């Protein structure tokens, strides 16, 4: 098997975890299967860069001297907001040559600025999805998944999702067992599927301003298997159903039904990840009632049925 060169681009203001997370994955793969990856880092002039957290990163070389990579990885960070035009020019010239082009977090902004995401589906950190879509209308921005793959280009969401994407790439290259071994070593169990949502229902929605609505949010989270119809929730908030629905959406940014759907999906997902409970038991505990109703919810939201989700996320039991 030919050795694959992974080249990581460094710049001032880079997010250090965007660099170290994927590098640890590829380095782990090289440890377990020697001769598979050669990891290099490079900055514009070959000099050290200062990360957004203040850490100094010392590259192996200048971009002009870097080897042609199999995987070109562009991290994110504050340095992507006003990038050095020389970096954008380098990416515009060299990005199309790479068999695999990868971004972590707001590294997608650099790829988009270089014109490398035009006509493609992509994602980035949820806080910058609107900016990516607004500044680059030729890019089909999907704000929900933790990573998106479109042909030879892969973009990931915020920070730690770069680890998930790197594990997925290692699985493509070397197989599931190698990726699983690395995931266990990094204590991330098994990579999350790319279409898993970037953040929880509680983060996706705003916290309501009024106490009765906040109490309803807490109740939904703590009682996903209860009657969570608009009528029932409105009675808990002591509002008419119509007034409650309008107020809830105004204060949280989503309808009560949408919030309930997200909470139930998240509850079921966590039970699948963290317990050995059966699918039927989890479907009841999460408010779906039947396994078929939960299966439809998972397929619609995540593109995979619950049983497959569990197999992809949880490590197989050791014999």
C-alpha atoms as a PDB file:
ATOM      1  CA  UNK A   1       0.000   0.000   0.000  1.00  0.00           C
ATOM      2  CA  UNK A   2       1.429   3.371  -1.034  1.00  0.00           C
ATOM      3  CA  UNK A   3       2.147   5.829   1.749  1.00  0.00           C
ATOM      4  CA  UNK A   4      -0.272   8.775   1.796  1.00  0.00           C
ATOM      5  CA  UNK A   5       1.078  12.244   2.561  1.00  0.00           C
ATOM      6  CA  UNK A   6      -1.174  14.354   4.782  1.00  0.00           C
ATOM      7  CA  UNK A   7      -0.280  18.044   4.555  1.00  0.00           C
ATOM      8  CA  UNK A   8      -1.738  20.361   7.199  1.00  0.00           C
ATOM      9  CA  UNK A   9      -1.749  24.079   6.407  1.00  0.00           C
ATOM     10  CA  UNK A  10      -0.780  26.365   9.299  1.00  0.00           C
ATOM     11  CA  UNK A  11      -1.347  30.097   9.689  1.00  0.00           C
ATOM     12  CA  UNK A  12      -1.516  32.693  12.453  1.00  0.00           C
ATOM     13  CA  UNK A  13      -4.796  32.445  14.354  1.00  0.00           C
ATOM     14  CA  UNK A  14      -5.291  28.758  13.575  1.00  0.00           C
ATOM     15  CA  UNK A  15      -7.385  26.728  16.036  1.00  0.00           C
ATOM     16  CA  UNK A  16      -4.849  24.345  17.556  1.00  0.00           C
ATOM     17  CA  UNK A  17      -7.355  21.519  18.103  1.00  0.00           C
ATOM     18  CA  UNK A  18      -8.331  21.675  14.429  1.00  0.00           C
ATOM     19  CA  UNK A  19      -4.724  20.716  13.756  1.00  0.00           C
ATOM     20  CA  UNK A  20      -3.923  18.324  16.590  1.00  0.00           C
ATOM     21  CA  UNK A  21      -7.202  16.380  16.519  1.00  0.00           C
ATOM     22  CA  UNK A  22      -6.941  15.057  12.941  1.00  0.00           C
ATOM     23  CA  UNK A  23      -3.149  14.760  13.214  1.00  0.00           C
ATOM     24  CA  UNK A  24      -3.545  12.465  16.237  1.00  0.00           C
ATOM     25  CA  UNK A  25      -5.909  10.272  14.224  1.00  0.00           C
ATOM     26  CA  UNK A  26      -3.561   9.962  11.234  1.00  0.00           C
ATOM     27  CA  UNK A  27      -0.544   9.529  13.527  1.00  0.00           C
ATOM     28  CA  UNK A  28      -2.393   6.784  15.378  1.00  0.00           C
ATOM     29  CA  UNK A  29      -3.079   5.030  12.095  1.00  0.00           C
ATOM     30  CA  UNK A  30       0.607   5.265  11.204  1.00  0.00           C
ATOM     31  CA  UNK A  31       1.499   3.762  14.585  1.00  0.00           C
ATOM     32  CA  UNK A  32      -0.810   0.775  14.131  1.00  0.00           C
ATOM     33  CA  UNK A  33      -0.119   0.327  10.417  1.00  0.00           C
ATOM     34  CA  UNK A  34       3.380   1.698   9.725  1.00  0.00           C
ATOM     35  CA  UNK A  35       4.056   3.135   6.313  1.00  0.00           C
ATOM     36  CA  UNK A  36       0.484   4.281   5.634  1.00  0.00           C
ATOM     37  CA  UNK A  37       0.674   8.016   6.411  1.00  0.00           C
ATOM     38  CA  UNK A  38       3.343  10.679   6.253  1.00  0.00           C
ATOM     39  CA  UNK A  39       2.216  13.791   8.139  1.00  0.00           C
ATOM     40  CA  UNK A  40       3.646  17.194   7.261  1.00  0.00           C
ATOM     41  CA  UNK A  41       2.779  20.711   8.371  1.00  0.00           C
ATOM     42  CA  UNK A  42       3.583  23.885   6.462  1.00  0.00           C
ATOM     43  CA  UNK A  43       3.083  27.641   6.764  1.00  0.00           C
ATOM     44  CA  UNK A  44       3.466  30.313   4.117  1.00  0.00           C
ATOM     45  CA  UNK A  45       7.086  31.134   4.925  1.00  0.00           C
ATOM     46  CA  UNK A  46       7.958  28.052   6.969  1.00  0.00           C
ATOM     47  CA  UNK A  47       8.080  30.027  10.202  1.00  0.00           C
ATOM     48  CA  UNK A  48       6.222  29.338  13.472  1.00  0.00           C
ATOM     49  CA  UNK A  49       2.595  30.430  13.775  1.00  0.00           C
ATOM     50  CA  UNK A  50       0.658  31.467  16.862  1.00  0.00           C
ATOM     51  CA  UNK A  51      -2.640  29.669  17.362  1.00  0.00           C
ATOM     52  CA  UNK A  52      -5.853  31.385  18.480  1.00  0.00           C
ATOM     53  CA  UNK A  53      -5.243  30.071  22.014  1.00  0.00           C
ATOM     54  CA  UNK A  54      -1.686  31.423  22.120  1.00  0.00           C
ATOM     55  CA  UNK A  55       0.150  28.168  21.444  1.00  0.00           C
ATOM     56  CA  UNK A  56       3.077  28.379  19.028  1.00  0.00           C
ATOM     57  CA  UNK A  57       3.113  25.737  16.309  1.00  0.00           C
ATOM     58  CA  UNK A  58       6.328  25.052  14.408  1.00  0.00           C
ATOM     59  CA  UNK A  59       5.767  23.727  10.866  1.00  0.00           C
ATOM     60  CA  UNK A  60       7.980  21.280   9.039  1.00  0.00           C
ATOM     61  CA  UNK A  61       8.478  23.559   6.047  1.00  0.00           C
ATOM     62  CA  UNK A  62       7.178  26.361   3.879  1.00  0.00           C
ATOM     63  CA  UNK A  63       4.195  25.707   1.660  1.00  0.00           C
ATOM     64  CA  UNK A  64       6.363  26.359  -1.389  1.00  0.00           C
ATOM     65  CA  UNK A  65       8.605  23.457  -0.353  1.00  0.00           C
ATOM     66  CA  UNK A  66       5.874  21.078   0.784  1.00  0.00           C
ATOM     67  CA  UNK A  67       5.407  17.741  -0.998  1.00  0.00           C
ATOM     68  CA  UNK A  68       2.360  17.151  -3.143  1.00  0.00           C
ATOM     69  CA  UNK A  69      -0.117  15.670  -0.655  1.00  0.00           C
ATOM     70  CA  UNK A  70      -2.657  12.930  -0.982  1.00  0.00           C
ATOM     71  CA  UNK A  71      -4.739  14.676   1.703  1.00  0.00           C
ATOM     72  CA  UNK A  72      -4.581  18.444   1.989  1.00  0.00           C
ATOM     73  CA  UNK A  73      -6.069  19.514   5.324  1.00  0.00           C
ATOM     74  CA  UNK A  74      -7.070  23.120   6.016  1.00  0.00           C
ATOM     75  CA  UNK A  75      -7.930  23.873   9.660  1.00  0.00           C
ATOM     76  CA  UNK A  76     -10.023  26.768  10.951  1.00  0.00           C
ATOM     77  CA  UNK A  77      -9.666  29.444  13.578  1.00  0.00           C
ATOM     78  CA  UNK A  78      -9.693  33.220  13.835  1.00  0.00           C
ATOM     79  CA  UNK A  79      -7.061  33.411  11.119  1.00  0.00           C
ATOM     80  CA  UNK A  80      -9.658  32.417   8.535  1.00  0.00           C
ATOM     81  CA  UNK A  81     -11.629  35.645   8.981  1.00  0.00           C
ATOM     82  CA  UNK A  82      -9.113  37.854   7.157  1.00  0.00           C
ATOM     83  CA  UNK A  83      -6.760  35.408   5.503  1.00  0.00           C
ATOM     84  CA  UNK A  84      -3.465  36.341   3.925  1.00  0.00           C
ATOM     85  CA  UNK A  85      -4.160  36.629   0.162  1.00  0.00           C
ATOM     86  CA  UNK A  86      -1.039  34.578  -0.459  1.00  0.00           C
ATOM     87  CA  UNK A  87      -2.598  31.665   1.410  1.00  0.00           C
ATOM     88  CA  UNK A  88      -5.800  31.901  -0.609  1.00  0.00           C
ATOM     89  CA  UNK A  89      -3.782  32.029  -3.831  1.00  0.00           C
ATOM     90  CA  UNK A  90      -1.782  28.968  -2.788  1.00  0.00           C
ATOM     91  CA  UNK A  91      -4.951  27.027  -2.039  1.00  0.00           C
ATOM     92  CA  UNK A  92      -6.512  28.091  -5.322  1.00  0.00           C
ATOM     93  CA  UNK A  93      -3.500  26.733  -7.200  1.00  0.00           C
ATOM     94  CA  UNK A  94      -2.746  23.604  -5.188  1.00  0.00           C
ATOM     95  CA  UNK A  95      -6.161  22.587  -3.843  1.00  0.00           C
ATOM     96  CA  UNK A  96      -7.413  21.094  -7.122  1.00  0.00           C
ATOM     97  CA  UNK A  97      -4.307  18.910  -7.347  1.00  0.00           C
ATOM     98  CA  UNK A  98      -4.933  17.068  -4.100  1.00  0.00           C
ATOM     99  CA  UNK A  99      -6.737  13.731  -4.429  1.00  0.00           C
ATOM    100  CA  UNK A 100      -8.445  14.542  -1.140  1.00  0.00           C
ATOM    101  CA  UNK A 101      -9.198  18.059   0.114  1.00  0.00           C
ATOM    102  CA  UNK A 102     -10.346  18.428   3.718  1.00  0.00           C
ATOM    103  CA  UNK A 103     -11.330  21.340   5.951  1.00  0.00           C
ATOM    104  CA  UNK A 104     -11.999  21.491   9.668  1.00  0.00           C
ATOM    105  CA  UNK A 105     -14.338  24.075  11.198  1.00  0.00           C
ATOM    106  CA  UNK A 106     -13.945  27.478   9.482  1.00  0.00           C
ATOM    107  CA  UNK A 107     -11.227  26.130   7.224  1.00  0.00           C
ATOM    108  CA  UNK A 108     -14.136  25.832   4.793  1.00  0.00           C
ATOM    109  CA  UNK A 109     -14.144  29.639   4.579  1.00  0.00           C
ATOM    110  CA  UNK A 110     -10.623  29.472   3.127  1.00  0.00           C
ATOM    111  CA  UNK A 111     -11.628  26.792   0.647  1.00  0.00           C
ATOM    112  CA  UNK A 112     -14.656  28.822  -0.387  1.00  0.00           C
ATOM    113  CA  UNK A 113     -12.584  32.007  -0.738  1.00  0.00           C
ATOM    114  CA  UNK A 114     -10.289  30.076  -3.067  1.00  0.00           C
ATOM    115  CA  UNK A 115     -13.301  28.991  -5.142  1.00  0.00           C
ATOM    116  CA  UNK A 116     -12.841  25.329  -4.289  1.00  0.00           C
ATOM    117  CA  UNK A 117     -16.353  24.773  -2.897  1.00  0.00           C
ATOM    118  CA  UNK A 118     -18.361  26.319  -5.739  1.00  0.00           C
ATOM    119  CA  UNK A 119     -21.167  24.012  -6.810  1.00  0.00           C
ATOM    120  CA  UNK A 120     -20.542  21.671  -3.894  1.00  0.00           C
ATOM    121  CA  UNK A 121     -22.316  20.794  -0.672  1.00  0.00           C
ATOM    122  CA  UNK A 122     -20.357  21.790   2.427  1.00  0.00           C
ATOM    123  CA  UNK A 123     -20.614  22.581   6.122  1.00  0.00           C
ATOM    124  CA  UNK A 124     -18.712  24.537   8.752  1.00  0.00           C
ATOM    125  CA  UNK A 125     -19.044  25.530  12.407  1.00  0.00           C
ATOM    126  CA  UNK A 126     -22.709  26.283  13.028  1.00  0.00           C
ATOM    127  CA  UNK A 127     -21.919  29.870  14.008  1.00  0.00           C
ATOM    128  CA  UNK A 128     -20.477  30.555  10.551  1.00  0.00           C
ATOM    129  CA  UNK A 129     -22.885  28.670   8.289  1.00  0.00           C
ATOM    130  CA  UNK A 130     -24.843  31.834   7.539  1.00  0.00           C
ATOM    131  CA  UNK A 131     -21.643  33.708   6.694  1.00  0.00           C
ATOM    132  CA  UNK A 132     -20.448  30.931   4.402  1.00  0.00           C
ATOM    133  CA  UNK A 133     -23.794  30.881   2.594  1.00  0.00           C
ATOM    134  CA  UNK A 134     -24.022  34.676   2.394  1.00  0.00           C
ATOM    135  CA  UNK A 135     -20.465  35.304   1.202  1.00  0.00           C
ATOM    136  CA  UNK A 136     -20.354  32.331  -1.176  1.00  0.00           C
ATOM    137  CA  UNK A 137     -23.793  31.735  -2.711  1.00  0.00           C
ATOM    138  CA  UNK A 138     -22.372  29.139  -5.112  1.00  0.00           C
ATOM    139  CA  UNK A 139     -21.772  26.833  -2.133  1.00  0.00           C
ATOM    140  CA  UNK A 140     -24.631  24.589  -0.971  1.00  0.00           C
ATOM    141  CA  UNK A 141     -24.241  25.049   2.792  1.00  0.00           C
ATOM    142  CA  UNK A 142     -25.728  22.360   5.045  1.00  0.00           C
ATOM    143  CA  UNK A 143     -25.659  23.607   8.662  1.00  0.00           C
ATOM    144  CA  UNK A 144     -26.723  20.369  10.351  1.00  0.00           C
ATOM    145  CA  UNK A 145     -24.182  17.552   9.831  1.00  0.00           C
ATOM    146  CA  UNK A 146     -20.879  17.257  11.667  1.00  0.00           C
ATOM    147  CA  UNK A 147     -19.201  16.622   8.330  1.00  0.00           C
ATOM    148  CA  UNK A 148     -20.122  16.566   4.652  1.00  0.00           C
ATOM    149  CA  UNK A 149     -18.419  14.707   1.840  1.00  0.00           C
ATOM    150  CA  UNK A 150     -18.912  15.778  -1.760  1.00  0.00           C
ATOM    151  CA  UNK A 151     -16.654  13.919  -4.139  1.00  0.00           C
ATOM    152  CA  UNK A 152     -13.021  14.280  -3.108  1.00  0.00           C
ATOM    153  CA  UNK A 153     -13.798  17.282  -0.880  1.00  0.00           C
ATOM    154  CA  UNK A 154     -14.793  16.858   2.761  1.00  0.00           C
ATOM    155  CA  UNK A 155     -15.738  19.668   5.141  1.00  0.00           C
ATOM    156  CA  UNK A 156     -16.427  19.336   8.853  1.00  0.00           C
ATOM    157  CA  UNK A 157     -18.192  21.375  11.496  1.00  0.00           C
ATOM    158  CA  UNK A 158     -16.752  22.832  14.675  1.00  0.00           C
ATOM    159  CA  UNK A 159     -13.387  21.789  16.091  1.00  0.00           C
ATOM    160  CA  UNK A 160     -13.746  18.221  17.447  1.00  0.00           C
ATOM    161  CA  UNK A 161     -15.754  17.107  14.409  1.00  0.00           C
ATOM    162  CA  UNK A 162     -12.406  17.119  12.610  1.00  0.00           C
ATOM    163  CA  UNK A 163     -11.594  13.998  14.632  1.00  0.00           C
ATOM    164  CA  UNK A 164     -14.779  12.316  13.415  1.00  0.00           C
ATOM    165  CA  UNK A 165     -13.986  13.188   9.816  1.00  0.00           C
ATOM    166  CA  UNK A 166     -10.376  12.010  10.125  1.00  0.00           C
ATOM    167  CA  UNK A 167     -11.591   8.691  11.570  1.00  0.00           C
ATOM    168  CA  UNK A 168     -13.977   8.316   8.644  1.00  0.00           C
ATOM    169  CA  UNK A 169     -11.109   8.919   6.197  1.00  0.00           C
ATOM    170  CA  UNK A 170      -8.888   6.389   7.977  1.00  0.00           C
ATOM    171  CA  UNK A 171     -11.740   3.887   7.839  1.00  0.00           C
ATOM    172  CA  UNK A 172     -11.947   4.447   4.078  1.00  0.00           C
ATOM    173  CA  UNK A 173      -8.202   3.949   3.703  1.00  0.00           C
ATOM    174  CA  UNK A 174      -7.450   1.184   6.172  1.00  0.00           C
ATOM    175  CA  UNK A 175     -10.722  -0.356   7.269  1.00  0.00           C
ATOM    176  CA  UNK A 176     -13.085  -0.258  10.205  1.00  0.00           C
ATOM    177  CA  UNK A 177     -10.906  -2.163  12.669  1.00  0.00           C
ATOM    178  CA  UNK A 178      -8.011   0.292  12.395  1.00  0.00           C
ATOM    179  CA  UNK A 179     -10.367   3.272  12.777  1.00  0.00           C
ATOM    180  CA  UNK A 180     -12.037   1.607  15.762  1.00  0.00           C
ATOM    181  CA  UNK A 181      -8.689   0.919  17.427  1.00  0.00           C
ATOM    182  CA  UNK A 182      -7.692   4.581  17.072  1.00  0.00           C
ATOM    183  CA  UNK A 183     -11.082   5.780  18.316  1.00  0.00           C
ATOM    184  CA  UNK A 184     -10.777   3.629  21.422  1.00  0.00           C
ATOM    185  CA  UNK A 185      -7.281   4.948  22.050  1.00  0.00           C
ATOM    186  CA  UNK A 186      -8.546   8.538  21.798  1.00  0.00           C
ATOM    187  CA  UNK A 187     -11.510   7.660  24.058  1.00  0.00           C
ATOM    188  CA  UNK A 188     -14.061   8.707  21.469  1.00  0.00           C
ATOM    189  CA  UNK A 189     -15.371   5.125  21.194  1.00  0.00           C
ATOM    190  CA  UNK A 190     -16.320   5.136  17.541  1.00  0.00           C
ATOM    191  CA  UNK A 191     -16.705   7.924  15.048  1.00  0.00           C
ATOM    192  CA  UNK A 192     -20.057   9.636  14.898  1.00  0.00           C
ATOM    193  CA  UNK A 193     -21.865   9.338  11.569  1.00  0.00           C
ATOM    194  CA  UNK A 194     -21.390  12.458   9.493  1.00  0.00           C
ATOM    195  CA  UNK A 195     -25.062  13.270   9.365  1.00  0.00           C
ATOM    196  CA  UNK A 196     -25.339  13.448  13.146  1.00  0.00           C
ATOM    197  CA  UNK A 197     -26.500  16.919  14.169  1.00  0.00           C
ATOM    198  CA  UNK A 198     -23.872  19.439  15.243  1.00  0.00           C
ATOM    199  CA  UNK A 199     -25.536  20.292  18.545  1.00  0.00           C
ATOM    200  CA  UNK A 200     -28.257  19.261  20.941  1.00  0.00           C
ATOM    201  CA  UNK A 201     -31.847  20.382  21.044  1.00  0.00           C
ATOM    202  CA  UNK A 202     -31.073  22.505  24.075  1.00  0.00           C
ATOM    203  CA  UNK A 203     -28.332  24.340  22.196  1.00  0.00           C
ATOM    204  CA  UNK A 204     -30.238  24.503  18.933  1.00  0.00           C
ATOM    205  CA  UNK A 205     -33.107  26.361  20.582  1.00  0.00           C
ATOM    206  CA  UNK A 206     -32.856  29.542  22.547  1.00  0.00           C
ATOM    207  CA  UNK A 207     -33.819  29.447  26.216  1.00  0.00           C
ATOM    208  CA  UNK A 208     -37.222  31.028  26.641  1.00  0.00           C
ATOM    209  CA  UNK A 209     -37.353  34.369  28.429  1.00  0.00           C
ATOM    210  CA  UNK A 210     -40.494  33.702  30.450  1.00  0.00           C
ATOM    211  CA  UNK A 211     -40.338  31.224  33.330  1.00  0.00           C
ATOM    212  CA  UNK A 212     -43.447  29.198  32.333  1.00  0.00           C
ATOM    213  CA  UNK A 213     -41.938  28.513  28.920  1.00  0.00           C
ATOM    214  CA  UNK A 214     -38.534  27.682  30.423  1.00  0.00           C
ATOM    215  CA  UNK A 215     -40.278  25.252  32.742  1.00  0.00           C
ATOM    216  CA  UNK A 216     -41.950  23.627  29.737  1.00  0.00           C
ATOM    217  CA  UNK A 217     -38.551  23.245  28.066  1.00  0.00           C
ATOM    218  CA  UNK A 218     -37.181  21.552  31.174  1.00  0.00           C
ATOM    219  CA  UNK A 219     -40.254  19.317  31.395  1.00  0.00           C
ATOM    220  CA  UNK A 220     -39.877  18.165  27.788  1.00  0.00           C
ATOM    221  CA  UNK A 221     -36.221  17.305  28.336  1.00  0.00           C
ATOM    222  CA  UNK A 222     -36.897  15.379  31.553  1.00  0.00           C
ATOM    223  CA  UNK A 223     -40.061  13.604  30.350  1.00  0.00           C
ATOM    224  CA  UNK A 224     -39.669  12.724  26.650  1.00  0.00           C
ATOM    225  CA  UNK A 225     -42.066   9.766  26.941  1.00  0.00           C
ATOM    226  CA  UNK A 226     -44.951  11.850  28.335  1.00  0.00           C
ATOM    227  CA  UNK A 227     -47.821  13.458  26.463  1.00  0.00           C
ATOM    228  CA  UNK A 228     -46.058  16.371  24.776  1.00  0.00           C
ATOM    229  CA  UNK A 229     -48.803  17.632  22.500  1.00  0.00           C
ATOM    230  CA  UNK A 230     -49.236  21.373  22.168  1.00  0.00           C
ATOM    231  CA  UNK A 231     -52.449  21.135  24.173  1.00  0.00           C
ATOM    232  CA  UNK A 232     -50.727  19.332  27.052  1.00  0.00           C
ATOM    233  CA  UNK A 233     -47.731  21.658  27.088  1.00  0.00           C
ATOM    234  CA  UNK A 234     -49.963  24.728  26.850  1.00  0.00           C
ATOM    235  CA  UNK A 235     -51.905  23.550  29.889  1.00  0.00           C
ATOM    236  CA  UNK A 236     -48.631  23.196  31.798  1.00  0.00           C
ATOM    237  CA  UNK A 237     -47.710  26.761  30.857  1.00  0.00           C
ATOM    238  CA  UNK A 238     -51.269  27.919  31.667  1.00  0.00           C
ATOM    239  CA  UNK A 239     -51.735  29.386  28.228  1.00  0.00           C
ATOM    240  CA  UNK A 240     -54.136  28.674  25.407  1.00  0.00           C
ATOM    241  CA  UNK A 241     -52.682  26.282  22.806  1.00  0.00           C
ATOM    242  CA  UNK A 242     -52.572  29.008  20.170  1.00  0.00           C
ATOM    243  CA  UNK A 243     -50.927  31.567  22.482  1.00  0.00           C
ATOM    244  CA  UNK A 244     -48.484  28.958  23.777  1.00  0.00           C
ATOM    245  CA  UNK A 245     -47.405  27.839  20.296  1.00  0.00           C
ATOM    246  CA  UNK A 246     -46.825  31.411  19.150  1.00  0.00           C
ATOM    247  CA  UNK A 247     -44.972  32.416  22.316  1.00  0.00           C
ATOM    248  CA  UNK A 248     -42.810  29.285  22.342  1.00  0.00           C
ATOM    249  CA  UNK A 249     -41.703  29.825  18.768  1.00  0.00           C
ATOM    250  CA  UNK A 250     -41.078  33.527  19.330  1.00  0.00           C
ATOM    251  CA  UNK A 251     -38.887  32.901  22.375  1.00  0.00           C
ATOM    252  CA  UNK A 252     -37.047  29.714  21.372  1.00  0.00           C
ATOM    253  CA  UNK A 253     -36.797  30.038  17.606  1.00  0.00           C
ATOM    254  CA  UNK A 254     -38.609  26.776  16.856  1.00  0.00           C
ATOM    255  CA  UNK A 255     -42.089  25.301  17.153  1.00  0.00           C
ATOM    256  CA  UNK A 256     -43.009  23.126  20.155  1.00  0.00           C
ATOM    257  CA  UNK A 257     -43.326  20.109  17.863  1.00  0.00           C
ATOM    258  CA  UNK A 258     -39.880  20.621  16.400  1.00  0.00           C
ATOM    259  CA  UNK A 259     -38.376  21.014  19.865  1.00  0.00           C
ATOM    260  CA  UNK A 260     -40.065  17.824  21.081  1.00  0.00           C
ATOM    261  CA  UNK A 261     -38.813  15.945  17.996  1.00  0.00           C
ATOM    262  CA  UNK A 262     -35.229  17.033  18.669  1.00  0.00           C
ATOM    263  CA  UNK A 263     -35.373  16.179  22.363  1.00  0.00           C
ATOM    264  CA  UNK A 264     -36.784  12.710  21.676  1.00  0.00           C
ATOM    265  CA  UNK A 265     -34.230  12.011  18.981  1.00  0.00           C
ATOM    266  CA  UNK A 266     -31.401  13.134  21.237  1.00  0.00           C
ATOM    267  CA  UNK A 267     -32.719  11.039  24.138  1.00  0.00           C
ATOM    268  CA  UNK A 268     -32.975   7.940  21.956  1.00  0.00           C
ATOM    269  CA  UNK A 269     -29.543   8.560  20.464  1.00  0.00           C
ATOM    270  CA  UNK A 270     -27.940   8.749  23.894  1.00  0.00           C
ATOM    271  CA  UNK A 271     -29.624   5.546  25.036  1.00  0.00           C
ATOM    272  CA  UNK A 272     -28.370   3.786  21.926  1.00  0.00           C
ATOM    273  CA  UNK A 273     -24.865   5.092  22.536  1.00  0.00           C
ATOM    274  CA  UNK A 274     -24.652   4.554  26.303  1.00  0.00           C
ATOM    275  CA  UNK A 275     -26.842   1.558  27.176  1.00  0.00           C
ATOM    276  CA  UNK A 276     -27.540  -1.968  26.053  1.00  0.00           C
ATOM    277  CA  UNK A 277     -31.319  -1.448  26.186  1.00  0.00           C
ATOM    278  CA  UNK A 278     -33.335  -2.971  23.376  1.00  0.00           C
ATOM    279  CA  UNK A 279     -34.757  -0.928  20.498  1.00  0.00           C
ATOM    280  CA  UNK A 280     -38.339  -1.454  21.667  1.00  0.00           C
ATOM    281  CA  UNK A 281     -37.504  -0.336  25.200  1.00  0.00           C
ATOM    282  CA  UNK A 282     -35.674   2.743  23.942  1.00  0.00           C
ATOM    283  CA  UNK A 283     -38.503   3.677  21.597  1.00  0.00           C
ATOM    284  CA  UNK A 284     -40.957   3.688  24.515  1.00  0.00           C
ATOM    285  CA  UNK A 285     -38.599   5.543  26.851  1.00  0.00           C
ATOM    286  CA  UNK A 286     -38.008   8.228  24.230  1.00  0.00           C
ATOM    287  CA  UNK A 287     -41.663   8.852  23.472  1.00  0.00           C
ATOM    288  CA  UNK A 288     -41.881   7.144  20.088  1.00  0.00           C
ATOM    289  CA  UNK A 289     -44.146   4.376  21.275  1.00  0.00           C
ATOM    290  CA  UNK A 290     -43.057   1.823  18.692  1.00  0.00           C
ATOM    291  CA  UNK A 291     -39.740   0.804  17.110  1.00  0.00           C
ATOM    292  CA  UNK A 292     -41.131   1.652  13.676  1.00  0.00           C
ATOM    293  CA  UNK A 293     -41.917   5.238  14.711  1.00  0.00           C
ATOM    294  CA  UNK A 294     -38.378   5.621  16.065  1.00  0.00           C
ATOM    295  CA  UNK A 295     -36.911   4.067  12.929  1.00  0.00           C
ATOM    296  CA  UNK A 296     -38.730   6.612  10.751  1.00  0.00           C
ATOM    297  CA  UNK A 297     -37.491   9.480  12.938  1.00  0.00           C
ATOM    298  CA  UNK A 298     -33.871   8.290  12.737  1.00  0.00           C
ATOM    299  CA  UNK A 299     -33.971   7.734   8.990  1.00  0.00           C
ATOM    300  CA  UNK A 300     -35.536  11.145   8.385  1.00  0.00           C
ATOM    301  CA  UNK A 301     -33.133  13.023  10.664  1.00  0.00           C
ATOM    302  CA  UNK A 302     -29.889  11.028  10.462  1.00  0.00           C
ATOM    303  CA  UNK A 303     -30.243   8.928   7.339  1.00  0.00           C
ATOM    304  CA  UNK A 304     -29.735   5.675   9.241  1.00  0.00           C
ATOM    305  CA  UNK A 305     -31.990   3.357  11.279  1.00  0.00           C
ATOM    306  CA  UNK A 306     -31.417   3.012  15.046  1.00  0.00           C
ATOM    307  CA  UNK A 307     -29.759  -0.402  14.878  1.00  0.00           C
ATOM    308  CA  UNK A 308     -27.224   0.793  12.303  1.00  0.00           C
ATOM    309  CA  UNK A 309     -26.647   3.977  14.293  1.00  0.00           C
ATOM    310  CA  UNK A 310     -25.818   1.917  17.386  1.00  0.00           C
ATOM    311  CA  UNK A 311     -23.401  -0.308  15.440  1.00  0.00           C
ATOM    312  CA  UNK A 312     -21.628   2.697  13.960  1.00  0.00           C
ATOM    313  CA  UNK A 313     -21.297   4.576  17.215  1.00  0.00           C
ATOM    314  CA  UNK A 314     -20.664   1.993  19.934  1.00  0.00           C
ATOM    315  CA  UNK A 315     -17.620  -0.258  19.927  1.00  0.00           C
ATOM    316  CA  UNK A 316     -18.306  -3.941  19.612  1.00  0.00           C
ATOM    317  CA  UNK A 317     -18.023  -5.796  22.939  1.00  0.00           C
ATOM    318  CA  UNK A 318     -14.656  -7.421  23.469  1.00  0.00           C
ATOM    319  CA  UNK A 319     -14.789 -11.208  23.577  1.00  0.00           C
END
